[in-house]
C-alpha cells in the first residue's frame, strides 16, 4: 500500500548538462510510487494549462501565469502540446516557448508534464474533427512517425532536466465508430516503441501511458502491462465516465492499477450542466469532486486539474485576473490544504 504521508515538494541543488542549475529533485519510479532522488515518495497535485501556443496568442504565456498556478497550491503544471500547434510553429520555435515555461516553472518550484495532446486512434490514424478557432479541422491529427519524432526531440532537448518530470505520450486514445479499431496489443506495441525512442535519445523524464476510452480504462493492465520499467499510467476520470457511487467502479476500471504501478489522473474536473461550456463527459458537481479527491488522497494517486484557462472547459478561472470559477474555487481550496 502507498505511504499516505507523501512529500509534495522537495528542493535540492541539481546541476544539469551545460552547467544549468535546477532546483527540483529528479523524479523516478519505485514500485507503485513516484519518488525523488533520495527515494522519498512524492504525490502531485497540479493544474493543467492550455496549450502554450494558445496562451502566447492571448498574451498570457508568462511567469505571472505560472506564479498564479503556484499560488493556488499546485506543485506541478501540465503543458498540452497539440500536434497542430507543433506543426504550425515548427520544432525550434515551439521548443523556445516550452523552454520559457520550463524555466519559469523551475524557478517557482513547479514540476512539468509535457503532454502530446492528441485524441483519437493513433494506430489507424483516425481522429475526431477537433474544431478550434485556431486550427480548424486538424487539431489532433498526427501520425505514428510524427509522434516518434516529437518524443525523440523532447528526449534529446530535456535530457537531464529535472523540472520536466513526465512525458505523457498520448493524451486520449479513442476508438469505435468513425475512429476505427485498435487492440490493446497494438497500442502496447506502439507505446513501447515510443518509450524505446525516448530512452534511445537520452530521455530522463518518466513516460506516462494512457488507457483506452479517452484515457479512462486501464483494465488491460491486468494481463498485459506495458513492457517497460520506470513508467506510470494515466487516467482521465471525468464525472460522466461512470455513475455514482464512484469508488467501486473507479477501482474496477483504473484505481486497481495503483496497487502495482504509479497512477496519474492527469485530467480531472467538473462543471455544472447549465454552464455555457458544459459538455460530455465533464458535467458534475462537488459530490464527484469530494469522492475523487478523497479517493486519490487515500491511495496516494497524483492528479492534475483541467483547465487553468477561462476558455477551455471545464474552466478553473473566469478571466485573466485568475478569479476562480465554481470548479476553480473548489480545487483551489483543496490544493491549498495540507495533503495527507
C-alpha atoms as a PDB file:
ATOM      1  CA  UNK A   1       0.000   0.000   0.000  1.00  0.00           C
ATOM      2  CA  UNK A   2       1.175   3.501  -0.760  1.00  0.00           C
ATOM      3  CA  UNK A   3       2.535   5.667   2.021  1.00  0.00           C
ATOM      4  CA  UNK A   4      -0.096   8.209   2.986  1.00  0.00           C
ATOM      5  CA  UNK A   5       2.348  10.818   4.171  1.00  0.00           C
ATOM      6  CA  UNK A   6       3.540  11.890   0.722  1.00  0.00           C
ATOM      7  CA  UNK A   7       6.127  14.550   0.117  1.00  0.00           C
ATOM      8  CA  UNK A   8       4.613  17.325  -2.012  1.00  0.00           C
ATOM      9  CA  UNK A   9       7.713  19.317  -2.773  1.00  0.00           C
ATOM     10  CA  UNK A  10      11.435  18.796  -2.337  1.00  0.00           C
ATOM     11  CA  UNK A  11      14.143  21.249  -3.275  1.00  0.00           C
ATOM     12  CA  UNK A  12      17.766  20.395  -3.791  1.00  0.00           C
ATOM     13  CA  UNK A  13      20.540  21.663  -5.999  1.00  0.00           C
ATOM     14  CA  UNK A  14      20.995  19.703  -9.195  1.00  0.00           C
ATOM     15  CA  UNK A  15      23.489  20.522 -11.923  1.00  0.00           C
ATOM     16  CA  UNK A  16      22.094  19.952 -15.398  1.00  0.00           C
ATOM     17  CA  UNK A  17      24.096  19.291 -18.567  1.00  0.00           C
ATOM     18  CA  UNK A  18      25.639  22.547 -19.722  1.00  0.00           C
ATOM     19  CA  UNK A  19      26.005  23.827 -16.168  1.00  0.00           C
ATOM     20  CA  UNK A  20      22.433  25.000 -15.633  1.00  0.00           C
ATOM     21  CA  UNK A  21      21.268  24.776 -12.043  1.00  0.00           C
ATOM     22  CA  UNK A  22      17.882  23.210 -11.308  1.00  0.00           C
ATOM     23  CA  UNK A  23      16.056  23.479  -8.002  1.00  0.00           C
ATOM     24  CA  UNK A  24      13.935  20.344  -8.221  1.00  0.00           C
ATOM     25  CA  UNK A  25      14.901  16.796  -7.402  1.00  0.00           C
ATOM     26  CA  UNK A  26      14.716  14.279 -10.215  1.00  0.00           C
ATOM     27  CA  UNK A  27      11.536  12.190 -10.185  1.00  0.00           C
ATOM     28  CA  UNK A  28      11.648   8.474 -10.926  1.00  0.00           C
ATOM     29  CA  UNK A  29       9.576   5.360 -10.220  1.00  0.00           C
ATOM     30  CA  UNK A  30       9.968   2.919  -7.355  1.00  0.00           C
ATOM     31  CA  UNK A  31       7.342   0.221  -7.149  1.00  0.00           C
ATOM     32  CA  UNK A  32       3.939   1.923  -7.282  1.00  0.00           C
ATOM     33  CA  UNK A  33       5.257   5.341  -6.290  1.00  0.00           C
ATOM     34  CA  UNK A  34       6.883   8.370  -7.816  1.00  0.00           C
ATOM     35  CA  UNK A  35       9.971   9.194  -5.769  1.00  0.00           C
ATOM     36  CA  UNK A  36      12.539  11.971  -5.529  1.00  0.00           C
ATOM     37  CA  UNK A  37      16.268  11.456  -5.908  1.00  0.00           C
ATOM     38  CA  UNK A  38      16.673  10.400  -2.263  1.00  0.00           C
ATOM     39  CA  UNK A  39      13.899   7.813  -2.568  1.00  0.00           C
ATOM     40  CA  UNK A  40      11.130   9.717  -0.837  1.00  0.00           C
ATOM     41  CA  UNK A  41       7.595   9.343  -2.261  1.00  0.00           C
ATOM     42  CA  UNK A  42       6.117  12.387  -3.953  1.00  0.00           C
ATOM     43  CA  UNK A  43       2.434  12.850  -4.802  1.00  0.00           C
ATOM     44  CA  UNK A  44       1.486  15.504  -7.337  1.00  0.00           C
ATOM     45  CA  UNK A  45      -1.375  17.961  -7.100  1.00  0.00           C
ATOM     46  CA  UNK A  46      -1.272  20.013 -10.269  1.00  0.00           C
ATOM     47  CA  UNK A  47      -3.038  22.264 -12.742  1.00  0.00           C
ATOM     48  CA  UNK A  48      -3.400  21.737 -16.485  1.00  0.00           C
ATOM     49  CA  UNK A  49      -2.539  24.788 -18.560  1.00  0.00           C
ATOM     50  CA  UNK A  50      -3.917  25.388 -22.019  1.00  0.00           C
ATOM     51  CA  UNK A  51      -1.572  24.960 -24.984  1.00  0.00           C
ATOM     52  CA  UNK A  52       1.403  27.347 -24.653  1.00  0.00           C
ATOM     53  CA  UNK A  53       0.650  28.432 -28.220  1.00  0.00           C
ATOM     54  CA  UNK A  54      -2.860  29.459 -27.158  1.00  0.00           C
ATOM     55  CA  UNK A  55      -1.547  31.261 -24.084  1.00  0.00           C
ATOM     56  CA  UNK A  56       1.018  33.133 -26.172  1.00  0.00           C
ATOM     57  CA  UNK A  57      -1.740  34.232 -28.561  1.00  0.00           C
ATOM     58  CA  UNK A  58      -3.690  35.526 -25.553  1.00  0.00           C
ATOM     59  CA  UNK A  59      -0.630  37.382 -24.244  1.00  0.00           C
ATOM     60  CA  UNK A  60      -0.647  35.200 -21.113  1.00  0.00           C
ATOM     61  CA  UNK A  61       2.365  32.933 -21.632  1.00  0.00           C
ATOM     62  CA  UNK A  62       4.460  34.461 -18.875  1.00  0.00           C
ATOM     63  CA  UNK A  63       5.906  33.844 -15.446  1.00  0.00           C
ATOM     64  CA  UNK A  64       2.932  35.542 -13.756  1.00  0.00           C
ATOM     65  CA  UNK A  65       0.578  32.937 -15.171  1.00  0.00           C
ATOM     66  CA  UNK A  66       2.595  30.092 -13.688  1.00  0.00           C
ATOM     67  CA  UNK A  67       3.107  32.012 -10.443  1.00  0.00           C
ATOM     68  CA  UNK A  68      -0.693  32.171 -10.129  1.00  0.00           C
ATOM     69  CA  UNK A  69      -0.831  28.374 -10.525  1.00  0.00           C
ATOM     70  CA  UNK A  70       1.795  28.041  -7.815  1.00  0.00           C
ATOM     71  CA  UNK A  71      -0.148  30.393  -5.535  1.00  0.00           C
ATOM     72  CA  UNK A  72      -3.144  28.079  -5.770  1.00  0.00           C
ATOM     73  CA  UNK A  73      -1.048  25.344  -4.164  1.00  0.00           C
ATOM     74  CA  UNK A  74      -0.006  23.342  -7.237  1.00  0.00           C
ATOM     75  CA  UNK A  75       3.333  21.540  -7.274  1.00  0.00           C
ATOM     76  CA  UNK A  76       3.080  20.648 -10.965  1.00  0.00           C
ATOM     77  CA  UNK A  77       1.762  22.045 -14.249  1.00  0.00           C
ATOM     78  CA  UNK A  78       0.870  20.106 -17.383  1.00  0.00           C
ATOM     79  CA  UNK A  79       1.625  21.650 -20.775  1.00  0.00           C
ATOM     80  CA  UNK A  80      -0.581  20.191 -23.550  1.00  0.00           C
ATOM     81  CA  UNK A  81       1.070  20.399 -26.979  1.00  0.00           C
ATOM     82  CA  UNK A  82      -1.423  19.950 -29.810  1.00  0.00           C
ATOM     83  CA  UNK A  83       0.058  18.390 -32.963  1.00  0.00           C
ATOM     84  CA  UNK A  84      -1.446  21.252 -34.997  1.00  0.00           C
ATOM     85  CA  UNK A  85       0.362  23.849 -32.877  1.00  0.00           C
ATOM     86  CA  UNK A  86       3.623  21.887 -33.063  1.00  0.00           C
ATOM     87  CA  UNK A  87       3.441  21.844 -36.859  1.00  0.00           C
ATOM     88  CA  UNK A  88       2.353  25.479 -37.102  1.00  0.00           C
ATOM     89  CA  UNK A  89       5.383  26.791 -35.214  1.00  0.00           C
ATOM     90  CA  UNK A  90       7.936  24.159 -36.113  1.00  0.00           C
ATOM     91  CA  UNK A  91      10.282  22.435 -33.681  1.00  0.00           C
ATOM     92  CA  UNK A  92      12.688  25.309 -32.990  1.00  0.00           C
ATOM     93  CA  UNK A  93      10.033  27.928 -32.250  1.00  0.00           C
ATOM     94  CA  UNK A  94       7.830  25.653 -30.200  1.00  0.00           C
ATOM     95  CA  UNK A  95      10.779  24.414 -28.142  1.00  0.00           C
ATOM     96  CA  UNK A  96      11.652  28.028 -27.409  1.00  0.00           C
ATOM     97  CA  UNK A  97       8.151  28.527 -25.990  1.00  0.00           C
ATOM     98  CA  UNK A  98       8.398  25.366 -23.942  1.00  0.00           C
ATOM     99  CA  UNK A  99      11.834  26.365 -22.653  1.00  0.00           C
ATOM    100  CA  UNK A 100      10.346  29.577 -21.303  1.00  0.00           C
ATOM    101  CA  UNK A 101       7.614  27.677 -19.468  1.00  0.00           C
ATOM    102  CA  UNK A 102      10.009  25.078 -18.123  1.00  0.00           C
ATOM    103  CA  UNK A 103      12.400  27.766 -16.859  1.00  0.00           C
ATOM    104  CA  UNK A 104       9.629  29.734 -15.136  1.00  0.00           C
ATOM    105  CA  UNK A 105       8.242  26.539 -13.628  1.00  0.00           C
ATOM    106  CA  UNK A 106      11.622  25.509 -12.266  1.00  0.00           C
ATOM    107  CA  UNK A 107      12.126  28.916 -10.682  1.00  0.00           C
ATOM    108  CA  UNK A 108       8.736  28.599  -8.996  1.00  0.00           C
ATOM    109  CA  UNK A 109       9.236  25.030  -7.781  1.00  0.00           C
ATOM    110  CA  UNK A 110       6.731  23.509 -10.203  1.00  0.00           C
ATOM    111  CA  UNK A 111       7.339  20.210 -11.917  1.00  0.00           C
ATOM    112  CA  UNK A 112       6.189  19.848 -15.537  1.00  0.00           C
ATOM    113  CA  UNK A 113       4.343  17.257 -17.609  1.00  0.00           C
ATOM    114  CA  UNK A 114       4.795  17.667 -21.361  1.00  0.00           C
ATOM    115  CA  UNK A 115       1.716  16.132 -22.980  1.00  0.00           C
ATOM    116  CA  UNK A 116       1.333  15.173 -26.670  1.00  0.00           C
ATOM    117  CA  UNK A 117      -2.239  16.401 -26.768  1.00  0.00           C
ATOM    118  CA  UNK A 118      -3.811  14.281 -29.447  1.00  0.00           C
ATOM    119  CA  UNK A 119      -7.127  12.461 -29.212  1.00  0.00           C
ATOM    120  CA  UNK A 120      -8.189   9.537 -31.358  1.00  0.00           C
ATOM    121  CA  UNK A 121      -6.785   6.353 -32.848  1.00  0.00           C
ATOM    122  CA  UNK A 122      -3.049   6.697 -33.392  1.00  0.00           C
ATOM    123  CA  UNK A 123      -2.752   3.133 -34.699  1.00  0.00           C
ATOM    124  CA  UNK A 124      -5.252   3.755 -37.522  1.00  0.00           C
ATOM    125  CA  UNK A 125      -4.536   7.471 -37.994  1.00  0.00           C
ATOM    126  CA  UNK A 126      -8.175   8.442 -37.332  1.00  0.00           C
ATOM    127  CA  UNK A 127      -9.133  11.487 -35.258  1.00  0.00           C
ATOM    128  CA  UNK A 128     -12.233  13.483 -34.300  1.00  0.00           C
ATOM    129  CA  UNK A 129     -12.712  16.851 -36.053  1.00  0.00           C
ATOM    130  CA  UNK A 130     -11.318  18.724 -33.041  1.00  0.00           C
ATOM    131  CA  UNK A 131     -12.617  22.103 -34.108  1.00  0.00           C
ATOM    132  CA  UNK A 132     -10.752  25.100 -32.782  1.00  0.00           C
ATOM    133  CA  UNK A 133     -10.820  28.727 -33.750  1.00  0.00           C
ATOM    134  CA  UNK A 134      -7.044  28.406 -34.037  1.00  0.00           C
ATOM    135  CA  UNK A 135      -6.733  25.180 -36.016  1.00  0.00           C
ATOM    136  CA  UNK A 136      -9.951  24.248 -37.845  1.00  0.00           C
ATOM    137  CA  UNK A 137     -10.253  20.526 -38.638  1.00  0.00           C
ATOM    138  CA  UNK A 138      -6.729  19.328 -37.746  1.00  0.00           C
ATOM    139  CA  UNK A 139      -6.294  19.980 -34.035  1.00  0.00           C
ATOM    140  CA  UNK A 140      -5.460  16.388 -33.035  1.00  0.00           C
ATOM    141  CA  UNK A 141      -4.281  14.884 -36.317  1.00  0.00           C
ATOM    142  CA  UNK A 142      -0.898  13.216 -36.141  1.00  0.00           C
ATOM    143  CA  UNK A 143       0.914  10.066 -37.268  1.00  0.00           C
ATOM    144  CA  UNK A 144       2.977   7.438 -35.519  1.00  0.00           C
ATOM    145  CA  UNK A 145       6.086   8.843 -37.187  1.00  0.00           C
ATOM    146  CA  UNK A 146       5.350  12.411 -36.113  1.00  0.00           C
ATOM    147  CA  UNK A 147       4.695  11.140 -32.591  1.00  0.00           C
ATOM    148  CA  UNK A 148       8.030   9.319 -32.529  1.00  0.00           C
ATOM    149  CA  UNK A 149       9.802  12.382 -33.931  1.00  0.00           C
ATOM    150  CA  UNK A 150       8.178  14.621 -31.314  1.00  0.00           C
ATOM    151  CA  UNK A 151       9.248  12.419 -28.432  1.00  0.00           C
ATOM    152  CA  UNK A 152      12.729  11.958 -29.832  1.00  0.00           C
ATOM    153  CA  UNK A 153      13.071  15.750 -29.918  1.00  0.00           C
ATOM    154  CA  UNK A 154      11.686  16.112 -26.364  1.00  0.00           C
ATOM    155  CA  UNK A 155      14.025  13.412 -25.058  1.00  0.00           C
ATOM    156  CA  UNK A 156      17.133  14.998 -26.544  1.00  0.00           C
ATOM    157  CA  UNK A 157      16.182  18.532 -25.589  1.00  0.00           C
ATOM    158  CA  UNK A 158      15.186  17.861 -21.969  1.00  0.00           C
ATOM    159  CA  UNK A 159      17.706  15.149 -21.169  1.00  0.00           C
ATOM    160  CA  UNK A 160      18.697  15.607 -17.533  1.00  0.00           C
ATOM    161  CA  UNK A 161      16.257  18.470 -16.936  1.00  0.00           C
ATOM    162  CA  UNK A 162      14.744  17.685 -13.539  1.00  0.00           C
ATOM    163  CA  UNK A 163      11.893  20.179 -13.877  1.00  0.00           C
ATOM    164  CA  UNK A 164      10.448  18.178 -16.788  1.00  0.00           C
ATOM    165  CA  UNK A 165       9.407  15.190 -14.712  1.00  0.00           C
ATOM    166  CA  UNK A 166       6.974  13.481 -17.106  1.00  0.00           C
ATOM    167  CA  UNK A 167       6.279  12.813 -20.758  1.00  0.00           C
ATOM    168  CA  UNK A 168       2.585  11.996 -21.320  1.00  0.00           C
ATOM    169  CA  UNK A 169       2.880  10.003 -24.518  1.00  0.00           C
ATOM    170  CA  UNK A 170      -0.610  10.406 -25.989  1.00  0.00           C
ATOM    171  CA  UNK A 171      -3.416  12.361 -24.383  1.00  0.00           C
ATOM    172  CA  UNK A 172      -6.559  10.316 -25.044  1.00  0.00           C
ATOM    173  CA  UNK A 173      -6.718   7.095 -27.074  1.00  0.00           C
ATOM    174  CA  UNK A 174     -10.241   6.836 -28.519  1.00  0.00           C
ATOM    175  CA  UNK A 175     -11.765   4.053 -30.594  1.00  0.00           C
ATOM    176  CA  UNK A 176     -15.021   2.979 -32.210  1.00  0.00           C
ATOM    177  CA  UNK A 177     -17.323   4.413 -34.848  1.00  0.00           C
ATOM    178  CA  UNK A 178     -15.504   6.745 -37.208  1.00  0.00           C
ATOM    179  CA  UNK A 179     -12.322   6.284 -35.171  1.00  0.00           C
ATOM    180  CA  UNK A 180     -11.936   2.621 -36.090  1.00  0.00           C
ATOM    181  CA  UNK A 181     -10.419  -0.148 -34.015  1.00  0.00           C
ATOM    182  CA  UNK A 182      -7.146  -0.791 -32.246  1.00  0.00           C
ATOM    183  CA  UNK A 183      -6.381  -3.728 -29.989  1.00  0.00           C
ATOM    184  CA  UNK A 184      -4.575  -3.343 -26.689  1.00  0.00           C
ATOM    185  CA  UNK A 185      -1.786  -5.456 -28.157  1.00  0.00           C
ATOM    186  CA  UNK A 186      -1.357  -2.900 -30.960  1.00  0.00           C
ATOM    187  CA  UNK A 187      -1.467   0.018 -28.516  1.00  0.00           C
ATOM    188  CA  UNK A 188       1.001  -1.706 -26.221  1.00  0.00           C
ATOM    189  CA  UNK A 189       3.427  -2.244 -29.112  1.00  0.00           C
ATOM    190  CA  UNK A 190       3.123   1.399 -30.191  1.00  0.00           C
ATOM    191  CA  UNK A 191       3.683   2.777 -26.690  1.00  0.00           C
ATOM    192  CA  UNK A 192       6.659   0.500 -26.151  1.00  0.00           C
ATOM    193  CA  UNK A 193       8.187   1.835 -29.370  1.00  0.00           C
ATOM    194  CA  UNK A 194       7.665   5.419 -28.177  1.00  0.00           C
ATOM    195  CA  UNK A 195       9.329   4.609 -24.859  1.00  0.00           C
ATOM    196  CA  UNK A 196      12.283   2.980 -26.636  1.00  0.00           C
ATOM    197  CA  UNK A 197      12.623   6.077 -28.797  1.00  0.00           C
ATOM    198  CA  UNK A 198      12.661   8.345 -25.739  1.00  0.00           C
ATOM    199  CA  UNK A 199      15.294   6.287 -23.990  1.00  0.00           C
ATOM    200  CA  UNK A 200      17.414   5.817 -27.102  1.00  0.00           C
ATOM    201  CA  UNK A 201      17.573   9.611 -27.285  1.00  0.00           C
ATOM    202  CA  UNK A 202      18.623  10.007 -23.666  1.00  0.00           C
ATOM    203  CA  UNK A 203      15.230  10.910 -22.214  1.00  0.00           C
ATOM    204  CA  UNK A 204      15.159  11.034 -18.414  1.00  0.00           C
ATOM    205  CA  UNK A 205      11.518  12.060 -17.794  1.00  0.00           C
ATOM    206  CA  UNK A 206       9.065   9.386 -16.639  1.00  0.00           C
ATOM    207  CA  UNK A 207       6.845   8.167 -19.512  1.00  0.00           C
ATOM    208  CA  UNK A 208       3.104   8.138 -18.758  1.00  0.00           C
ATOM    209  CA  UNK A 209       0.846   5.784 -20.743  1.00  0.00           C
ATOM    210  CA  UNK A 210      -2.911   6.272 -21.096  1.00  0.00           C
ATOM    211  CA  UNK A 211      -5.562   3.586 -21.322  1.00  0.00           C
ATOM    212  CA  UNK A 212      -8.475   3.311 -23.741  1.00  0.00           C
ATOM    213  CA  UNK A 213     -11.873   5.057 -23.590  1.00  0.00           C
ATOM    214  CA  UNK A 214     -10.333   8.528 -23.736  1.00  0.00           C
ATOM    215  CA  UNK A 215      -7.681   7.658 -21.146  1.00  0.00           C
ATOM    216  CA  UNK A 216     -10.051   6.057 -18.662  1.00  0.00           C
ATOM    217  CA  UNK A 217      -9.860   2.259 -18.921  1.00  0.00           C
ATOM    218  CA  UNK A 218      -6.735   0.609 -17.517  1.00  0.00           C
ATOM    219  CA  UNK A 219      -8.212  -2.889 -17.166  1.00  0.00           C
ATOM    220  CA  UNK A 220      -5.915  -4.408 -19.865  1.00  0.00           C
ATOM    221  CA  UNK A 221      -3.001  -3.954 -17.445  1.00  0.00           C
ATOM    222  CA  UNK A 222      -4.276  -6.971 -15.517  1.00  0.00           C
ATOM    223  CA  UNK A 223      -3.000  -9.303 -18.232  1.00  0.00           C
ATOM    224  CA  UNK A 224      -0.757  -7.182 -20.448  1.00  0.00           C
ATOM    225  CA  UNK A 225       1.067  -4.264 -18.829  1.00  0.00           C
ATOM    226  CA  UNK A 226       3.431  -2.158 -20.924  1.00  0.00           C
ATOM    227  CA  UNK A 227       6.784  -3.923 -21.187  1.00  0.00           C
ATOM    228  CA  UNK A 228       8.932  -1.116 -19.827  1.00  0.00           C
ATOM    229  CA  UNK A 229      10.286  -0.218 -16.425  1.00  0.00           C
ATOM    230  CA  UNK A 230      10.135   3.166 -14.745  1.00  0.00           C
ATOM    231  CA  UNK A 231       6.805   4.295 -16.190  1.00  0.00           C
ATOM    232  CA  UNK A 232       3.425   5.414 -14.868  1.00  0.00           C
ATOM    233  CA  UNK A 233      -0.143   5.108 -16.121  1.00  0.00           C
ATOM    234  CA  UNK A 234      -2.651   7.827 -16.913  1.00  0.00           C
ATOM    235  CA  UNK A 235      -6.380   8.086 -16.368  1.00  0.00           C
ATOM    236  CA  UNK A 236      -8.847  10.931 -17.031  1.00  0.00           C
ATOM    237  CA  UNK A 237     -11.753  10.031 -14.724  1.00  0.00           C
ATOM    238  CA  UNK A 238     -14.213  12.822 -15.522  1.00  0.00           C
ATOM    239  CA  UNK A 239     -17.583  12.638 -13.721  1.00  0.00           C
ATOM    240  CA  UNK A 240     -19.657  11.180 -16.568  1.00  0.00           C
ATOM    241  CA  UNK A 241     -17.299   8.247 -17.130  1.00  0.00           C
ATOM    242  CA  UNK A 242     -19.263   6.235 -14.592  1.00  0.00           C
ATOM    243  CA  UNK A 243     -22.250   6.688 -12.289  1.00  0.00           C
ATOM    244  CA  UNK A 244     -22.017   7.215  -8.523  1.00  0.00           C
ATOM    245  CA  UNK A 245     -21.209   5.758  -6.145  1.00  0.00           C
ATOM    246  CA  UNK A 246     -17.869   6.197  -7.845  1.00  0.00           C
ATOM    247  CA  UNK A 247     -15.367   4.367  -5.689  1.00  0.00           C
ATOM    248  CA  UNK A 248     -16.231   0.758  -6.554  1.00  0.00           C
ATOM    249  CA  UNK A 249     -16.338   1.448 -10.297  1.00  0.00           C
ATOM    250  CA  UNK A 250     -13.154   3.550 -10.251  1.00  0.00           C
ATOM    251  CA  UNK A 251     -11.312   0.736  -8.506  1.00  0.00           C
ATOM    252  CA  UNK A 252     -12.522  -1.767 -11.116  1.00  0.00           C
ATOM    253  CA  UNK A 253     -11.753   0.461 -14.114  1.00  0.00           C
ATOM    254  CA  UNK A 254      -8.438   2.102 -13.192  1.00  0.00           C
ATOM    255  CA  UNK A 255      -7.799   2.514  -9.463  1.00  0.00           C
ATOM    256  CA  UNK A 256      -6.706  -1.103  -9.046  1.00  0.00           C
ATOM    257  CA  UNK A 257      -3.584  -0.262 -11.040  1.00  0.00           C
ATOM    258  CA  UNK A 258      -2.286   1.926  -8.201  1.00  0.00           C
ATOM    259  CA  UNK A 259      -1.601  -1.210  -6.162  1.00  0.00           C
ATOM    260  CA  UNK A 260       1.232  -2.118  -8.563  1.00  0.00           C
ATOM    261  CA  UNK A 261       2.077   0.987 -10.608  1.00  0.00           C
ATOM    262  CA  UNK A 262       2.185   4.765 -10.167  1.00  0.00           C
ATOM    263  CA  UNK A 263      -1.079   6.238 -11.460  1.00  0.00           C
ATOM    264  CA  UNK A 264      -1.531   9.860 -12.513  1.00  0.00           C
ATOM    265  CA  UNK A 265      -5.036  11.258 -13.133  1.00  0.00           C
ATOM    266  CA  UNK A 266      -3.683  13.961 -15.414  1.00  0.00           C
ATOM    267  CA  UNK A 267      -7.086  15.425 -16.325  1.00  0.00           C
ATOM    268  CA  UNK A 268      -9.964  15.777 -13.888  1.00  0.00           C
ATOM    269  CA  UNK A 269     -12.587  18.432 -13.282  1.00  0.00           C
ATOM    270  CA  UNK A 270     -16.257  19.297 -13.459  1.00  0.00           C
ATOM    271  CA  UNK A 271     -18.763  21.936 -14.473  1.00  0.00           C
ATOM    272  CA  UNK A 272     -22.496  22.328 -13.910  1.00  0.00           C
ATOM    273  CA  UNK A 273     -24.982  21.224 -16.564  1.00  0.00           C
ATOM    274  CA  UNK A 274     -26.116  24.829 -17.060  1.00  0.00           C
ATOM    275  CA  UNK A 275     -22.580  26.097 -17.633  1.00  0.00           C
ATOM    276  CA  UNK A 276     -22.367  27.529 -21.144  1.00  0.00           C
ATOM    277  CA  UNK A 277     -19.272  25.404 -21.800  1.00  0.00           C
ATOM    278  CA  UNK A 278     -20.731  22.174 -20.370  1.00  0.00           C
ATOM    279  CA  UNK A 279     -20.122  19.059 -22.469  1.00  0.00           C
ATOM    280  CA  UNK A 280     -19.716  15.313 -22.180  1.00  0.00           C
ATOM    281  CA  UNK A 281     -18.032  13.908 -20.069  1.00  0.00           C
ATOM    282  CA  UNK A 282     -17.304  16.758 -17.608  1.00  0.00           C
ATOM    283  CA  UNK A 283     -20.757  17.611 -16.240  1.00  0.00           C
ATOM    284  CA  UNK A 284     -20.746  17.093 -12.490  1.00  0.00           C
ATOM    285  CA  UNK A 285     -20.538  18.829  -9.151  1.00  0.00           C
ATOM    286  CA  UNK A 286     -18.782  18.867  -5.795  1.00  0.00           C
ATOM    287  CA  UNK A 287     -20.147  15.410  -4.951  1.00  0.00           C
ATOM    288  CA  UNK A 288     -17.938  13.996  -7.680  1.00  0.00           C
ATOM    289  CA  UNK A 289     -15.010  16.173  -6.644  1.00  0.00           C
ATOM    290  CA  UNK A 290     -15.280  15.179  -2.972  1.00  0.00           C
ATOM    291  CA  UNK A 291     -15.329  11.498  -3.907  1.00  0.00           C
ATOM    292  CA  UNK A 292     -12.415  11.879  -6.317  1.00  0.00           C
ATOM    293  CA  UNK A 293     -10.078  13.841  -4.056  1.00  0.00           C
ATOM    294  CA  UNK A 294     -10.763  11.525  -1.103  1.00  0.00           C
ATOM    295  CA  UNK A 295     -10.122   8.501  -3.328  1.00  0.00           C
ATOM    296  CA  UNK A 296      -6.770   9.843  -4.509  1.00  0.00           C
ATOM    297  CA  UNK A 297      -5.688  11.003  -1.051  1.00  0.00           C
ATOM    298  CA  UNK A 298      -6.384   7.556   0.398  1.00  0.00           C
ATOM    299  CA  UNK A 299      -4.416   5.773  -2.332  1.00  0.00           C
ATOM    300  CA  UNK A 300      -1.595   8.247  -2.958  1.00  0.00           C
ATOM    301  CA  UNK A 301      -2.705   8.865  -6.555  1.00  0.00           C
ATOM    302  CA  UNK A 302      -1.434  12.024  -8.237  1.00  0.00           C
ATOM    303  CA  UNK A 303      -3.748  14.299 -10.200  1.00  0.00           C
ATOM    304  CA  UNK A 304      -3.837  17.491 -12.228  1.00  0.00           C
ATOM    305  CA  UNK A 305      -6.969  19.577 -12.837  1.00  0.00           C
ATOM    306  CA  UNK A 306      -8.275  20.846 -16.201  1.00  0.00           C
ATOM    307  CA  UNK A 307      -8.072  23.728 -17.102  1.00  0.00           C
ATOM    308  CA  UNK A 308      -6.239  26.837 -15.826  1.00  0.00           C
ATOM    309  CA  UNK A 309      -7.752  28.950 -18.589  1.00  0.00           C
ATOM    310  CA  UNK A 310     -11.002  30.957 -18.909  1.00  0.00           C
ATOM    311  CA  UNK A 311     -11.884  29.494 -22.311  1.00  0.00           C
ATOM    312  CA  UNK A 312     -11.142  25.748 -22.288  1.00  0.00           C
ATOM    313  CA  UNK A 313     -13.776  23.931 -20.250  1.00  0.00           C
ATOM    314  CA  UNK A 314     -14.156  22.941 -17.564  1.00  0.00           C
ATOM    315  CA  UNK A 315     -12.559  26.271 -16.711  1.00  0.00           C
ATOM    316  CA  UNK A 316     -10.813  26.906 -13.407  1.00  0.00           C
ATOM    317  CA  UNK A 317     -10.677  30.688 -13.860  1.00  0.00           C
ATOM    318  CA  UNK A 318     -13.191  33.247 -15.077  1.00  0.00           C
ATOM    319  CA  UNK A 319     -10.670  35.647 -16.571  1.00  0.00           C
ATOM    320  CA  UNK A 320      -7.000  36.517 -16.643  1.00  0.00           C
ATOM    321  CA  UNK A 321      -7.188  38.045 -13.171  1.00  0.00           C
ATOM    322  CA  UNK A 322      -7.367  34.365 -12.103  1.00  0.00           C
ATOM    323  CA  UNK A 323     -10.725  34.735 -10.377  1.00  0.00           C
ATOM    324  CA  UNK A 324     -11.854  31.172  -9.648  1.00  0.00           C
ATOM    325  CA  UNK A 325     -14.926  29.659 -11.236  1.00  0.00           C
ATOM    326  CA  UNK A 326     -17.098  27.282  -9.199  1.00  0.00           C
ATOM    327  CA  UNK A 327     -14.728  24.436 -10.138  1.00  0.00           C
ATOM    328  CA  UNK A 328     -11.737  26.672  -9.515  1.00  0.00           C
ATOM    329  CA  UNK A 329     -12.891  27.677  -6.044  1.00  0.00           C
ATOM    330  CA  UNK A 330     -13.285  24.024  -5.114  1.00  0.00           C
ATOM    331  CA  UNK A 331      -9.874  22.887  -6.320  1.00  0.00           C
ATOM    332  CA  UNK A 332      -8.026  25.986  -5.135  1.00  0.00           C
ATOM    333  CA  UNK A 333      -9.246  25.226  -1.626  1.00  0.00           C
ATOM    334  CA  UNK A 334      -8.225  21.576  -1.961  1.00  0.00           C
ATOM    335  CA  UNK A 335      -4.785  22.373  -3.345  1.00  0.00           C
ATOM    336  CA  UNK A 336      -4.076  24.830  -0.561  1.00  0.00           C
ATOM    337  CA  UNK A 337      -4.908  22.343   2.166  1.00  0.00           C
ATOM    338  CA  UNK A 338      -2.193  20.318   3.811  1.00  0.00           C
ATOM    339  CA  UNK A 339      -2.061  16.989   1.983  1.00  0.00           C
ATOM    340  CA  UNK A 340      -2.401  13.636   3.756  1.00  0.00           C
END
